[in-house]
Amino acid sequence: MGASGEIIGIGSTQAAGQAHAEVMALKDAAIKGKSAQGATAYVTLEPCAHQGRTGPCCDALISAGVARVVASLQDPNPLVGGQGFERLKAAGVEVNVGLGAGESRELNLGFLSRLIRKRPWVRMKIAASLDGATALRNGQSQWITGPEARADGHLWRARACAVMTGSGTVLADNPVLNVRGVATPRQPHLVLIDSSLRTPLNAALWSEERKVFVYGANDVDGRQHALTKHSAVVKLLQGAPCKVDLAAVMHELAMQEINELHVEAGYTLSGALLDAGLVDELLVYMAPKLLGSGKGMALLQEKLALSEALQLQFRDVQLVGEDVRLLARVAGSDAF
């Protein structure tokens, strides 16, 4: 923002390895013929102070003559962690921190989760009838919700770094699990939980547009080599016998710089993730219909008292077409 209060440039961080928001905003101002000399820069996160895949943003702001930086949050990255602010102050730039911290935290929950908790922010999407059925007893599940809800689900896929499912879903439905009908600069990666590495090599999910990470527990019949040759990144992370260590998977995904993980899985894997305390919020689309007995939302461990229930907090409720979309956050999941 210029000295007169005019917005002279706006920018957002580009894909990994490309320019950060500060540099994009300075470029936007330059294209418009505006000088950043004496201007105030408003940023959601502390300008970086290290040479990574891009140069330090604090140096770019200093070189442009920015007089003040207003940042919502300090960057938890140990390579930054206050150093950006200190370098700005040393160059005579005024620094204010905290304005819009709540909004910035929501925008950056995935990034903050990965840096602080060493695992992605995990959002589980479920489509169900009003009585909680996600499939009939015979396995039929397409389609419980309407086209508007399905299109909205693609918007949520598009914002995630990766989509997770299980081999059971692949064998039952042969889904593609990409983003369709929504403009997106990239397809989210795919994460497949497949204990016995039984995913067929001709499954619809294979694509050159994205990485496919396969996590198994046992290499059955040399399948790991076959999947690796099929361009999958395969890793064995055994927890309980014949089961994948899901907590270890989350740590691995953080190492792969996955900030937000979007889960679309069957009720067995969904239940395992919830029981392991690895889900942060639920994105539930409920159709105005009753299906009776069938598969529920998640196969959870039996509770012996109501006090053992997983506590959620409703964050948003909206009509999407004829269906209701609920966003419910696991109580305390954002306390980091």
C-alpha atoms as a PDB file:
ATOM      1  CA  MET A   1       0.000   0.000   0.000  1.00  0.00           C
ATOM      2  CA  GLY A   2       1.397   3.379  -1.005  1.00  0.00           C
ATOM      3  CA  ALA A   3       1.855   6.353   1.310  1.00  0.00           C
ATOM      4  CA  SER A   4      -1.463   7.807   0.151  1.00  0.00           C
ATOM      5  CA  GLY A   5      -3.370   4.633   1.130  1.00  0.00           C
ATOM      6  CA  GLU A   6      -3.633   3.399  -2.457  1.00  0.00           C
ATOM      7  CA  ILE A   7      -3.207  -0.330  -3.096  1.00  0.00           C
ATOM      8  CA  ILE A   8      -0.297  -0.404  -5.543  1.00  0.00           C
ATOM      9  CA  GLY A   9       0.313  -4.151  -5.829  1.00  0.00           C
ATOM     10  CA  ILE A  10      -1.139  -7.519  -4.856  1.00  0.00           C
ATOM     11  CA  GLY A  11       0.541 -10.912  -4.941  1.00  0.00           C
ATOM     12  CA  SER A  12       0.214 -14.506  -3.795  1.00  0.00           C
ATOM     13  CA  THR A  13       2.795 -17.235  -3.389  1.00  0.00           C
ATOM     14  CA  GLN A  14       3.260 -19.313  -6.530  1.00  0.00           C
ATOM     15  CA  ALA A  15       3.987 -23.038  -6.881  1.00  0.00           C
ATOM     16  CA  ALA A  16       6.891 -24.511  -4.905  1.00  0.00           C
ATOM     17  CA  GLY A  17      10.191 -23.118  -6.114  1.00  0.00           C
ATOM     18  CA  GLN A  18       8.605 -20.030  -7.629  1.00  0.00           C
ATOM     19  CA  ALA A  19       8.168 -16.468  -6.342  1.00  0.00           C
ATOM     20  CA  HIS A  20       6.626 -15.769  -2.941  1.00  0.00           C
ATOM     21  CA  ALA A  21       3.766 -13.332  -2.365  1.00  0.00           C
ATOM     22  CA  GLU A  22       5.987 -10.371  -1.495  1.00  0.00           C
ATOM     23  CA  VAL A  23       7.932 -10.607  -4.752  1.00  0.00           C
ATOM     24  CA  MET A  24       4.718 -11.047  -6.758  1.00  0.00           C
ATOM     25  CA  ALA A  25       3.210  -7.938  -5.134  1.00  0.00           C
ATOM     26  CA  LEU A  26       6.333  -5.892  -5.922  1.00  0.00           C
ATOM     27  CA  LYS A  27       6.218  -7.125  -9.533  1.00  0.00           C
ATOM     28  CA  ASP A  28       2.527  -6.209  -9.741  1.00  0.00           C
ATOM     29  CA  ALA A  29       3.317  -2.688  -8.534  1.00  0.00           C
ATOM     30  CA  ALA A  30       6.157  -2.349 -11.051  1.00  0.00           C
ATOM     31  CA  ILE A  31       3.901  -3.487 -13.917  1.00  0.00           C
ATOM     32  CA  LYS A  32       1.427  -0.768 -12.907  1.00  0.00           C
ATOM     33  CA  GLY A  33       4.227   1.791 -12.839  1.00  0.00           C
ATOM     34  CA  LYS A  34       3.988   2.257  -9.070  1.00  0.00           C
ATOM     35  CA  SER A  35       6.954   2.685  -6.736  1.00  0.00           C
ATOM     36  CA  ALA A  36       7.114   0.769  -3.447  1.00  0.00           C
ATOM     37  CA  GLN A  37       9.353   3.459  -1.924  1.00  0.00           C
ATOM     38  CA  GLY A  38       7.869   4.379   1.467  1.00  0.00           C
ATOM     39  CA  ALA A  39       5.017   1.876   1.069  1.00  0.00           C
ATOM     40  CA  THR A  40       3.524  -0.520   3.630  1.00  0.00           C
ATOM     41  CA  ALA A  41       3.515  -4.234   2.862  1.00  0.00           C
ATOM     42  CA  TYR A  42       0.721  -6.327   4.412  1.00  0.00           C
ATOM     43  CA  VAL A  43       1.629 -10.032   4.586  1.00  0.00           C
ATOM     44  CA  THR A  44      -0.018 -13.075   6.161  1.00  0.00           C
ATOM     45  CA  LEU A  45       3.296 -14.620   7.209  1.00  0.00           C
ATOM     46  CA  GLU A  46       6.718 -13.286   8.154  1.00  0.00           C
ATOM     47  CA  PRO A  47       8.847 -12.559   5.057  1.00  0.00           C
ATOM     48  CA  CYS A  48      11.445 -15.305   4.641  1.00  0.00           C
ATOM     49  CA  ALA A  49      15.067 -14.540   5.479  1.00  0.00           C
ATOM     50  CA  HIS A  50      16.912 -17.487   3.939  1.00  0.00           C
ATOM     51  CA  GLN A  51      18.050 -18.586   0.513  1.00  0.00           C
ATOM     52  CA  GLY A  52      15.971 -21.592  -0.445  1.00  0.00           C
ATOM     53  CA  ARG A  53      14.516 -22.260  -3.872  1.00  0.00           C
ATOM     54  CA  THR A  54      13.859 -18.513  -3.970  1.00  0.00           C
ATOM     55  CA  GLY A  55      15.744 -15.560  -2.530  1.00  0.00           C
ATOM     56  CA  PRO A  56      14.920 -13.909   0.831  1.00  0.00           C
ATOM     57  CA  CYS A  57      11.706 -11.874   0.621  1.00  0.00           C
ATOM     58  CA  CYS A  58      12.832  -9.509   3.365  1.00  0.00           C
ATOM     59  CA  ASP A  59      15.758  -8.435   1.144  1.00  0.00           C
ATOM     60  CA  ALA A  60      13.379  -7.826  -1.777  1.00  0.00           C
ATOM     61  CA  LEU A  61      11.215  -5.579   0.414  1.00  0.00           C
ATOM     62  CA  ILE A  62      14.243  -3.694   1.718  1.00  0.00           C
ATOM     63  CA  SER A  63      15.625  -3.192  -1.799  1.00  0.00           C
ATOM     64  CA  ALA A  64      12.244  -1.871  -2.965  1.00  0.00           C
ATOM     65  CA  GLY A  65      12.291   0.795  -0.244  1.00  0.00           C
ATOM     66  CA  VAL A  66       9.292  -0.456   1.727  1.00  0.00           C
ATOM     67  CA  ALA A  67       8.967   1.579   4.935  1.00  0.00           C
ATOM     68  CA  ARG A  68       6.700  -0.694   6.985  1.00  0.00           C
ATOM     69  CA  VAL A  69       5.751  -4.370   7.070  1.00  0.00           C
ATOM     70  CA  VAL A  70       2.527  -5.499   8.772  1.00  0.00           C
ATOM     71  CA  ALA A  71       2.570  -9.283   9.244  1.00  0.00           C
ATOM     72  CA  SER A  72      -0.154 -11.467  10.718  1.00  0.00           C
ATOM     73  CA  LEU A  73       2.061 -14.302  11.959  1.00  0.00           C
ATOM     74  CA  GLN A  74       5.667 -15.168  12.661  1.00  0.00           C
ATOM     75  CA  ASP A  75       6.891 -17.995  10.429  1.00  0.00           C
ATOM     76  CA  PRO A  76       7.384 -21.243  12.438  1.00  0.00           C
ATOM     77  CA  ASN A  77      10.003 -22.422   9.950  1.00  0.00           C
ATOM     78  CA  PRO A  78      13.271 -22.587  11.946  1.00  0.00           C
ATOM     79  CA  LEU A  79      15.063 -21.153   8.899  1.00  0.00           C
ATOM     80  CA  VAL A  80      12.991 -17.995   9.375  1.00  0.00           C
ATOM     81  CA  GLY A  81      11.527 -17.892  12.910  1.00  0.00           C
ATOM     82  CA  GLY A  82      11.860 -14.147  13.566  1.00  0.00           C
ATOM     83  CA  GLN A  83      14.980 -13.620  11.458  1.00  0.00           C
ATOM     84  CA  GLY A  84      12.972 -11.956   8.700  1.00  0.00           C
ATOM     85  CA  PHE A  85      11.576  -9.432  11.151  1.00  0.00           C
ATOM     86  CA  GLU A  86      15.015  -8.769  12.625  1.00  0.00           C
ATOM     87  CA  ARG A  87      16.589  -8.190   9.211  1.00  0.00           C
ATOM     88  CA  LEU A  88      13.817  -5.748   8.298  1.00  0.00           C
ATOM     89  CA  LYS A  89      14.224  -3.851  11.554  1.00  0.00           C
ATOM     90  CA  ALA A  90      17.993  -3.710  11.099  1.00  0.00           C
ATOM     91  CA  ALA A  91      17.403  -2.033   7.731  1.00  0.00           C
ATOM     92  CA  GLY A  92      15.169   0.593   9.338  1.00  0.00           C
ATOM     93  CA  VAL A  93      11.854  -0.954   8.273  1.00  0.00           C
ATOM     94  CA  GLU A  94       9.032  -0.649  10.818  1.00  0.00           C
ATOM     95  CA  VAL A  95       7.533  -4.063  11.693  1.00  0.00           C
ATOM     96  CA  ASN A  96       4.091  -4.709  13.193  1.00  0.00           C
ATOM     97  CA  VAL A  97       2.922  -8.256  13.955  1.00  0.00           C
ATOM     98  CA  GLY A  98      -0.525  -9.643  14.781  1.00  0.00           C
ATOM     99  CA  LEU A  99      -3.072  -7.881  12.560  1.00  0.00           C
ATOM    100  CA  GLY A 100      -5.388 -10.527  11.089  1.00  0.00           C
ATOM    101  CA  ALA A 101      -3.645 -13.366  12.930  1.00  0.00           C
ATOM    102  CA  GLY A 102      -6.800 -15.488  13.225  1.00  0.00           C
ATOM    103  CA  GLU A 103      -7.664 -15.259   9.537  1.00  0.00           C
ATOM    104  CA  SER A 104      -4.065 -15.889   8.530  1.00  0.00           C
ATOM    105  CA  ARG A 105      -3.882 -18.935  10.769  1.00  0.00           C
ATOM    106  CA  GLU A 106      -6.948 -20.430   9.070  1.00  0.00           C
ATOM    107  CA  LEU A 107      -5.453 -19.756   5.638  1.00  0.00           C
ATOM    108  CA  ASN A 108      -2.180 -21.403   6.619  1.00  0.00           C
ATOM    109  CA  LEU A 109      -3.401 -24.281   8.839  1.00  0.00           C
ATOM    110  CA  GLY A 110      -1.814 -26.897   6.588  1.00  0.00           C
ATOM    111  CA  PHE A 111       1.548 -25.162   6.486  1.00  0.00           C
ATOM    112  CA  LEU A 112       1.506 -24.513  10.235  1.00  0.00           C
ATOM    113  CA  SER A 113       0.492 -28.116  10.960  1.00  0.00           C
ATOM    114  CA  ARG A 114       3.347 -29.480   8.856  1.00  0.00           C
ATOM    115  CA  LEU A 115       5.948 -27.222  10.445  1.00  0.00           C
ATOM    116  CA  ILE A 116       4.760 -27.473  14.051  1.00  0.00           C
ATOM    117  CA  ARG A 117       3.147 -30.937  14.335  1.00  0.00           C
ATOM    118  CA  LYS A 118       5.202 -32.591  11.587  1.00  0.00           C
ATOM    119  CA  ARG A 119       2.071 -33.866   9.848  1.00  0.00           C
ATOM    120  CA  PRO A 120      -0.448 -32.442   7.387  1.00  0.00           C
ATOM    121  CA  TRP A 121      -3.797 -30.925   8.253  1.00  0.00           C
ATOM    122  CA  VAL A 122      -6.175 -33.816   7.542  1.00  0.00           C
ATOM    123  CA  ARG A 123      -9.675 -33.231   6.204  1.00  0.00           C
ATOM    124  CA  MET A 124     -11.958 -36.253   5.733  1.00  0.00           C
ATOM    125  CA  LYS A 125     -14.722 -35.983   3.143  1.00  0.00           C
ATOM    126  CA  ILE A 126     -17.817 -38.166   3.537  1.00  0.00           C
ATOM    127  CA  ALA A 127     -20.977 -38.396   1.418  1.00  0.00           C
ATOM    128  CA  ALA A 128     -23.866 -39.998   3.286  1.00  0.00           C
ATOM    129  CA  SER A 129     -27.614 -40.291   3.611  1.00  0.00           C
ATOM    130  CA  LEU A 130     -29.415 -38.557   6.455  1.00  0.00           C
ATOM    131  CA  ASP A 131     -29.251 -41.794   8.456  1.00  0.00           C
ATOM    132  CA  GLY A 132     -25.486 -41.986   7.999  1.00  0.00           C
ATOM    133  CA  ALA A 133     -25.136 -44.621   5.277  1.00  0.00           C
ATOM    134  CA  THR A 134     -22.254 -44.195   2.824  1.00  0.00           C
ATOM    135  CA  ALA A 135     -23.122 -47.305   0.799  1.00  0.00           C
ATOM    136  CA  LEU A 136     -25.744 -50.004   0.601  1.00  0.00           C
ATOM    137  CA  ARG A 137     -24.994 -53.388   2.077  1.00  0.00           C
ATOM    138  CA  ASN A 138     -24.236 -54.650  -1.438  1.00  0.00           C
ATOM    139  CA  GLY A 139     -21.604 -51.912  -1.815  1.00  0.00           C
ATOM    140  CA  GLN A 140     -23.513 -49.557  -4.131  1.00  0.00           C
ATOM    141  CA  SER A 141     -22.693 -45.924  -3.345  1.00  0.00           C
ATOM    142  CA  GLN A 142     -22.888 -43.928  -6.588  1.00  0.00           C
ATOM    143  CA  TRP A 143     -24.500 -41.548  -6.209  1.00  0.00           C
ATOM    144  CA  ILE A 144     -25.903 -40.756  -2.765  1.00  0.00           C
ATOM    145  CA  THR A 145     -25.471 -36.986  -3.028  1.00  0.00           C
ATOM    146  CA  GLY A 146     -26.400 -34.735  -5.938  1.00  0.00           C
ATOM    147  CA  PRO A 147     -24.270 -33.212  -8.716  1.00  0.00           C
ATOM    148  CA  GLU A 148     -23.849 -29.885  -6.909  1.00  0.00           C
ATOM    149  CA  ALA A 149     -22.369 -31.596  -3.863  1.00  0.00           C
ATOM    150  CA  ARG A 150     -20.051 -33.672  -6.038  1.00  0.00           C
ATOM    151  CA  ALA A 151     -18.855 -30.543  -7.866  1.00  0.00           C
ATOM    152  CA  ASP A 152     -18.280 -28.799  -4.526  1.00  0.00           C
ATOM    153  CA  GLY A 153     -16.221 -31.787  -3.395  1.00  0.00           C
ATOM    154  CA  HIS A 154     -13.891 -31.240  -6.351  1.00  0.00           C
ATOM    155  CA  LEU A 155     -13.252 -27.685  -5.143  1.00  0.00           C
ATOM    156  CA  TRP A 156     -12.097 -29.117  -1.812  1.00  0.00           C
ATOM    157  CA  ARG A 157      -9.927 -31.692  -3.585  1.00  0.00           C
ATOM    158  CA  ALA A 158      -8.339 -28.907  -5.621  1.00  0.00           C
ATOM    159  CA  ARG A 159      -7.224 -26.964  -2.542  1.00  0.00           C
ATOM    160  CA  ALA A 160      -5.446 -29.986  -1.034  1.00  0.00           C
ATOM    161  CA  CYS A 161      -1.856 -31.007  -1.684  1.00  0.00           C
ATOM    162  CA  ALA A 162      -2.841 -34.672  -1.842  1.00  0.00           C
ATOM    163  CA  VAL A 163      -5.887 -36.962  -1.826  1.00  0.00           C
ATOM    164  CA  MET A 164      -5.806 -40.170   0.244  1.00  0.00           C
ATOM    165  CA  THR A 165      -7.799 -43.348  -0.225  1.00  0.00           C
ATOM    166  CA  GLY A 166      -7.472 -47.046   0.533  1.00  0.00           C
ATOM    167  CA  SER A 167      -7.022 -50.092  -1.668  1.00  0.00           C
ATOM    168  CA  GLY A 168     -10.498 -51.311  -0.678  1.00  0.00           C
ATOM    169  CA  THR A 169     -12.053 -48.256  -2.307  1.00  0.00           C
ATOM    170  CA  VAL A 170      -9.902 -48.744  -5.407  1.00  0.00           C
ATOM    171  CA  LEU A 171     -10.947 -52.388  -5.771  1.00  0.00           C
ATOM    172  CA  ALA A 172     -14.624 -51.637  -5.134  1.00  0.00           C
ATOM    173  CA  ASP A 173     -15.127 -48.429  -7.143  1.00  0.00           C
ATOM    174  CA  ASN A 174     -12.025 -47.994  -9.364  1.00  0.00           C
ATOM    175  CA  PRO A 175     -12.077 -44.203  -8.813  1.00  0.00           C
ATOM    176  CA  VAL A 176      -9.857 -41.660 -10.569  1.00  0.00           C
ATOM    177  CA  LEU A 177      -9.742 -39.286  -7.572  1.00  0.00           C
ATOM    178  CA  ASN A 178      -8.497 -36.299  -9.515  1.00  0.00           C
ATOM    179  CA  VAL A 179      -9.940 -32.794  -9.831  1.00  0.00           C
ATOM    180  CA  ARG A 180     -12.518 -32.514 -12.600  1.00  0.00           C
ATOM    181  CA  GLY A 181     -14.773 -29.687 -13.730  1.00  0.00           C
ATOM    182  CA  VAL A 182     -12.805 -27.160 -11.687  1.00  0.00           C
ATOM    183  CA  ALA A 183      -9.967 -24.960 -12.944  1.00  0.00           C
ATOM    184  CA  THR A 184      -6.761 -25.971 -11.183  1.00  0.00           C
ATOM    185  CA  PRO A 185      -3.082 -25.256 -11.949  1.00  0.00           C
ATOM    186  CA  ARG A 186      -2.116 -28.754 -10.798  1.00  0.00           C
ATOM    187  CA  GLN A 187      -3.590 -32.077  -9.783  1.00  0.00           C
ATOM    188  CA  PRO A 188      -3.145 -32.999  -6.103  1.00  0.00           C
ATOM    189  CA  HIS A 189      -0.913 -35.985  -5.477  1.00  0.00           C
ATOM    190  CA  LEU A 190      -2.533 -39.306  -4.602  1.00  0.00           C
ATOM    191  CA  VAL A 191      -1.823 -41.226  -1.396  1.00  0.00           C
ATOM    192  CA  LEU A 192      -2.844 -44.878  -1.350  1.00  0.00           C
ATOM    193  CA  ILE A 193      -2.986 -46.987   1.821  1.00  0.00           C
ATOM    194  CA  ASP A 194      -2.533 -50.546   0.579  1.00  0.00           C
ATOM    195  CA  SER A 195      -1.335 -52.998   3.232  1.00  0.00           C
ATOM    196  CA  SER A 196      -0.721 -55.899   0.833  1.00  0.00           C
ATOM    197  CA  LEU A 197       0.106 -53.807  -2.262  1.00  0.00           C
ATOM    198  CA  ARG A 198      -2.852 -55.245  -4.134  1.00  0.00           C
ATOM    199  CA  THR A 199      -3.783 -52.199  -6.225  1.00  0.00           C
ATOM    200  CA  PRO A 200      -4.083 -53.284  -9.882  1.00  0.00           C
ATOM    201  CA  LEU A 201      -1.638 -51.787 -12.350  1.00  0.00           C
ATOM    202  CA  ASN A 202      -4.559 -51.049 -14.672  1.00  0.00           C
ATOM    203  CA  ALA A 203      -6.555 -49.100 -12.054  1.00  0.00           C
ATOM    204  CA  ALA A 204      -8.042 -45.800 -13.218  1.00  0.00           C
ATOM    205  CA  LEU A 205      -6.120 -43.748 -10.649  1.00  0.00           C
ATOM    206  CA  TRP A 206      -2.726 -43.996 -12.347  1.00  0.00           C
ATOM    207  CA  SER A 207      -1.780 -40.714 -14.002  1.00  0.00           C
ATOM    208  CA  GLU A 208       1.327 -38.911 -15.206  1.00  0.00           C
ATOM    209  CA  GLU A 209      -0.132 -35.626 -13.937  1.00  0.00           C
ATOM    210  CA  ARG A 210       0.653 -36.353 -10.286  1.00  0.00           C
ATOM    211  CA  LYS A 211       2.762 -38.406  -7.937  1.00  0.00           C
ATOM    212  CA  VAL A 212       1.228 -41.533  -6.462  1.00  0.00           C
ATOM    213  CA  PHE A 213       2.497 -42.482  -2.995  1.00  0.00           C
ATOM    214  CA  VAL A 214       1.702 -46.054  -1.975  1.00  0.00           C
ATOM    215  CA  TYR A 215       2.119 -47.088   1.667  1.00  0.00           C
ATOM    216  CA  GLY A 216       2.002 -50.774   2.483  1.00  0.00           C
ATOM    217  CA  ALA A 217       2.782 -53.161   5.318  1.00  0.00           C
ATOM    218  CA  ASN A 218       4.017 -56.233   3.428  1.00  0.00           C
ATOM    219  CA  ASP A 219       5.579 -56.801   0.026  1.00  0.00           C
ATOM    220  CA  VAL A 220       3.328 -59.573  -1.264  1.00  0.00           C
ATOM    221  CA  ASP A 221       4.656 -61.499  -4.283  1.00  0.00           C
ATOM    222  CA  GLY A 222       7.166 -58.799  -5.197  1.00  0.00           C
ATOM    223  CA  ARG A 223       4.433 -56.242  -5.807  1.00  0.00           C
ATOM    224  CA  GLN A 224       6.576 -53.386  -4.489  1.00  0.00           C
ATOM    225  CA  HIS A 225       8.925 -53.672  -7.460  1.00  0.00           C
ATOM    226  CA  ALA A 226       6.012 -53.819  -9.925  1.00  0.00           C
ATOM    227  CA  LEU A 227       4.381 -50.718  -8.456  1.00  0.00           C
ATOM    228  CA  THR A 228       7.685 -48.837  -8.392  1.00  0.00           C
ATOM    229  CA  LYS A 229       8.190 -49.622 -12.085  1.00  0.00           C
ATOM    230  CA  HIS A 230       4.709 -48.197 -12.590  1.00  0.00           C
ATOM    231  CA  SER A 231       6.071 -44.825 -11.341  1.00  0.00           C
ATOM    232  CA  ALA A 232       4.614 -45.112  -7.831  1.00  0.00           C
ATOM    233  CA  VAL A 233       6.605 -44.054  -4.769  1.00  0.00           C
ATOM    234  CA  VAL A 234       6.244 -47.148  -2.577  1.00  0.00           C
ATOM    235  CA  LYS A 235       7.184 -47.436   1.093  1.00  0.00           C
ATOM    236  CA  LEU A 236       6.530 -50.179   3.627  1.00  0.00           C
ATOM    237  CA  LEU A 237       5.540 -48.813   7.049  1.00  0.00           C
ATOM    238  CA  GLN A 238       4.230 -51.676   9.132  1.00  0.00           C
ATOM    239  CA  GLY A 239       2.515 -50.955  12.427  1.00  0.00           C
ATOM    240  CA  ALA A 240       0.300 -53.706  13.778  1.00  0.00           C
ATOM    241  CA  PRO A 241       0.672 -57.039  11.945  1.00  0.00           C
ATOM    242  CA  CYS A 242      -0.405 -56.631   8.311  1.00  0.00           C
ATOM    243  CA  LYS A 243      -1.442 -53.022   8.953  1.00  0.00           C
ATOM    244  CA  VAL A 244       0.112 -49.759   7.788  1.00  0.00           C
ATOM    245  CA  ASP A 245       1.428 -47.432  10.485  1.00  0.00           C
ATOM    246  CA  LEU A 246      -0.827 -44.482   9.713  1.00  0.00           C
ATOM    247  CA  ALA A 247       0.945 -42.068  12.058  1.00  0.00           C
ATOM    248  CA  ALA A 248       4.232 -42.835  10.281  1.00  0.00           C
ATOM    249  CA  VAL A 249       2.508 -42.170   6.952  1.00  0.00           C
ATOM    250  CA  MET A 250       1.514 -38.698   8.122  1.00  0.00           C
ATOM    251  CA  HIS A 251       5.094 -37.963   9.141  1.00  0.00           C
ATOM    252  CA  GLU A 252       6.313 -39.163   5.743  1.00  0.00           C
ATOM    253  CA  LEU A 253       3.803 -36.941   3.965  1.00  0.00           C
ATOM    254  CA  ALA A 254       5.016 -33.941   5.947  1.00  0.00           C
ATOM    255  CA  MET A 255       8.524 -34.743   4.737  1.00  0.00           C
ATOM    256  CA  GLN A 256       7.085 -34.610   1.202  1.00  0.00           C
ATOM    257  CA  GLU A 257       5.801 -31.068   1.956  1.00  0.00           C
ATOM    258  CA  ILE A 258       2.136 -32.105   1.987  1.00  0.00           C
ATOM    259  CA  ASN A 259       0.323 -29.356   3.891  1.00  0.00           C
ATOM    260  CA  GLU A 260      -3.344 -30.323   3.457  1.00  0.00           C
ATOM    261  CA  LEU A 261      -4.445 -33.930   3.019  1.00  0.00           C
ATOM    262  CA  HIS A 262      -7.942 -34.644   1.690  1.00  0.00           C
ATOM    263  CA  VAL A 263      -9.221 -38.111   2.625  1.00  0.00           C
ATOM    264  CA  GLU A 264     -11.868 -39.920   0.574  1.00  0.00           C
ATOM    265  CA  ALA A 265     -11.855 -43.488   1.811  1.00  0.00           C
ATOM    266  CA  GLY A 266     -14.110 -46.355   2.804  1.00  0.00           C
ATOM    267  CA  TYR A 267     -15.460 -46.767   6.285  1.00  0.00           C
ATOM    268  CA  THR A 268     -12.644 -49.105   7.403  1.00  0.00           C
ATOM    269  CA  LEU A 269      -9.748 -46.733   6.643  1.00  0.00           C
ATOM    270  CA  SER A 270     -11.817 -43.738   7.746  1.00  0.00           C
ATOM    271  CA  GLY A 271     -12.439 -45.406  11.093  1.00  0.00           C
ATOM    272  CA  ALA A 272      -8.766 -46.301  11.519  1.00  0.00           C
ATOM    273  CA  LEU A 273      -7.693 -42.709  10.873  1.00  0.00           C
ATOM    274  CA  LEU A 274     -10.263 -41.336  13.304  1.00  0.00           C
ATOM    275  CA  ASP A 275      -9.396 -43.887  15.995  1.00  0.00           C
ATOM    276  CA  ALA A 276      -5.714 -43.007  15.601  1.00  0.00           C
ATOM    277  CA  GLY A 277      -6.461 -39.317  16.191  1.00  0.00           C
ATOM    278  CA  LEU A 278      -5.154 -38.365  12.753  1.00  0.00           C
ATOM    279  CA  VAL A 279      -8.198 -36.476  11.426  1.00  0.00           C
ATOM    280  CA  ASP A 280      -8.568 -32.753  12.041  1.00  0.00           C
ATOM    281  CA  GLU A 281     -11.921 -32.019  10.468  1.00  0.00           C
ATOM    282  CA  LEU A 282     -14.807 -33.698   8.680  1.00  0.00           C
ATOM    283  CA  LEU A 283     -16.378 -32.430   5.465  1.00  0.00           C
ATOM    284  CA  VAL A 284     -19.731 -34.217   5.345  1.00  0.00           C
ATOM    285  CA  TYR A 285     -22.313 -34.005   2.575  1.00  0.00           C
ATOM    286  CA  MET A 286     -25.682 -35.343   3.743  1.00  0.00           C
ATOM    287  CA  ALA A 287     -28.397 -36.221   1.255  1.00  0.00           C
ATOM    288  CA  PRO A 288     -32.089 -35.857   2.130  1.00  0.00           C
ATOM    289  CA  LYS A 289     -32.775 -39.571   1.913  1.00  0.00           C
ATOM    290  CA  LEU A 290     -32.822 -42.630   4.167  1.00  0.00           C
ATOM    291  CA  LEU A 291     -31.008 -45.785   3.040  1.00  0.00           C
ATOM    292  CA  GLY A 292     -31.451 -48.074   6.025  1.00  0.00           C
ATOM    293  CA  SER A 293     -28.865 -50.701   6.867  1.00  0.00           C
ATOM    294  CA  GLY A 294     -25.586 -50.450   5.007  1.00  0.00           C
ATOM    295  CA  LYS A 295     -22.063 -49.160   5.544  1.00  0.00           C
ATOM    296  CA  GLY A 296     -21.761 -46.258   7.934  1.00  0.00           C
ATOM    297  CA  MET A 297     -19.487 -43.242   7.846  1.00  0.00           C
ATOM    298  CA  ALA A 298     -16.617 -44.891   9.692  1.00  0.00           C
ATOM    299  CA  LEU A 299     -15.870 -48.195  11.392  1.00  0.00           C
ATOM    300  CA  LEU A 300     -14.915 -46.885  14.822  1.00  0.00           C
ATOM    301  CA  GLN A 301     -13.827 -48.795  17.889  1.00  0.00           C
ATOM    302  CA  GLU A 302     -16.737 -49.523  20.197  1.00  0.00           C
ATOM    303  CA  LYS A 303     -17.381 -46.923  22.886  1.00  0.00           C
ATOM    304  CA  LEU A 304     -18.443 -48.088  26.334  1.00  0.00           C
ATOM    305  CA  ALA A 305     -19.514 -44.657  27.580  1.00  0.00           C
ATOM    306  CA  LEU A 306     -20.852 -41.495  25.959  1.00  0.00           C
ATOM    307  CA  SER A 307     -17.925 -39.621  27.485  1.00  0.00           C
ATOM    308  CA  GLU A 308     -15.611 -41.541  25.131  1.00  0.00           C
ATOM    309  CA  ALA A 309     -17.191 -39.966  22.036  1.00  0.00           C
ATOM    310  CA  LEU A 310     -14.949 -38.025  19.680  1.00  0.00           C
ATOM    311  CA  GLN A 311     -15.962 -34.407  20.268  1.00  0.00           C
ATOM    312  CA  LEU A 312     -16.497 -32.191  17.223  1.00  0.00           C
ATOM    313  CA  GLN A 313     -17.245 -28.518  16.733  1.00  0.00           C
ATOM    314  CA  PHE A 314     -19.441 -27.396  13.845  1.00  0.00           C
ATOM    315  CA  ARG A 315     -17.630 -24.748  11.827  1.00  0.00           C
ATOM    316  CA  ASP A 316     -20.002 -24.307   8.901  1.00  0.00           C
ATOM    317  CA  VAL A 317     -23.363 -25.565   7.641  1.00  0.00           C
ATOM    318  CA  GLN A 318     -24.571 -24.831   4.106  1.00  0.00           C
ATOM    319  CA  LEU A 319     -27.046 -26.085   1.543  1.00  0.00           C
ATOM    320  CA  VAL A 320     -25.298 -27.309  -1.606  1.00  0.00           C
ATOM    321  CA  GLY A 321     -27.932 -28.143  -4.160  1.00  0.00           C
ATOM    322  CA  GLU A 322     -30.385 -30.410  -2.350  1.00  0.00           C
ATOM    323  CA  ASP A 323     -27.755 -31.648   0.119  1.00  0.00           C
ATOM    324  CA  VAL A 324     -26.366 -30.203   3.335  1.00  0.00           C
ATOM    325  CA  ARG A 325     -22.632 -29.630   3.716  1.00  0.00           C
ATOM    326  CA  LEU A 326     -21.285 -29.808   7.256  1.00  0.00           C
ATOM    327  CA  LEU A 327     -17.770 -28.794   8.217  1.00  0.00           C
ATOM    328  CA  ALA A 328     -16.968 -30.103  11.709  1.00  0.00           C
ATOM    329  CA  ARG A 329     -13.579 -29.767  13.376  1.00  0.00           C
ATOM    330  CA  VAL A 330     -12.248 -32.222  15.910  1.00  0.00           C
ATOM    331  CA  ALA A 331     -12.169 -30.371  19.228  1.00  0.00           C
ATOM    332  CA  GLY A 332      -8.652 -29.202  19.999  1.00  0.00           C
ATOM    333  CA  SER A 333      -7.185 -30.233  16.643  1.00  0.00           C
ATOM    334  CA  ASP A 334      -6.099 -26.675  15.866  1.00  0.00           C
ATOM    335  CA  ALA A 335      -4.468 -26.086  19.273  1.00  0.00           C
ATOM    336  CA  PHE A 336      -0.876 -25.973  18.087  1.00  0.00           C
END
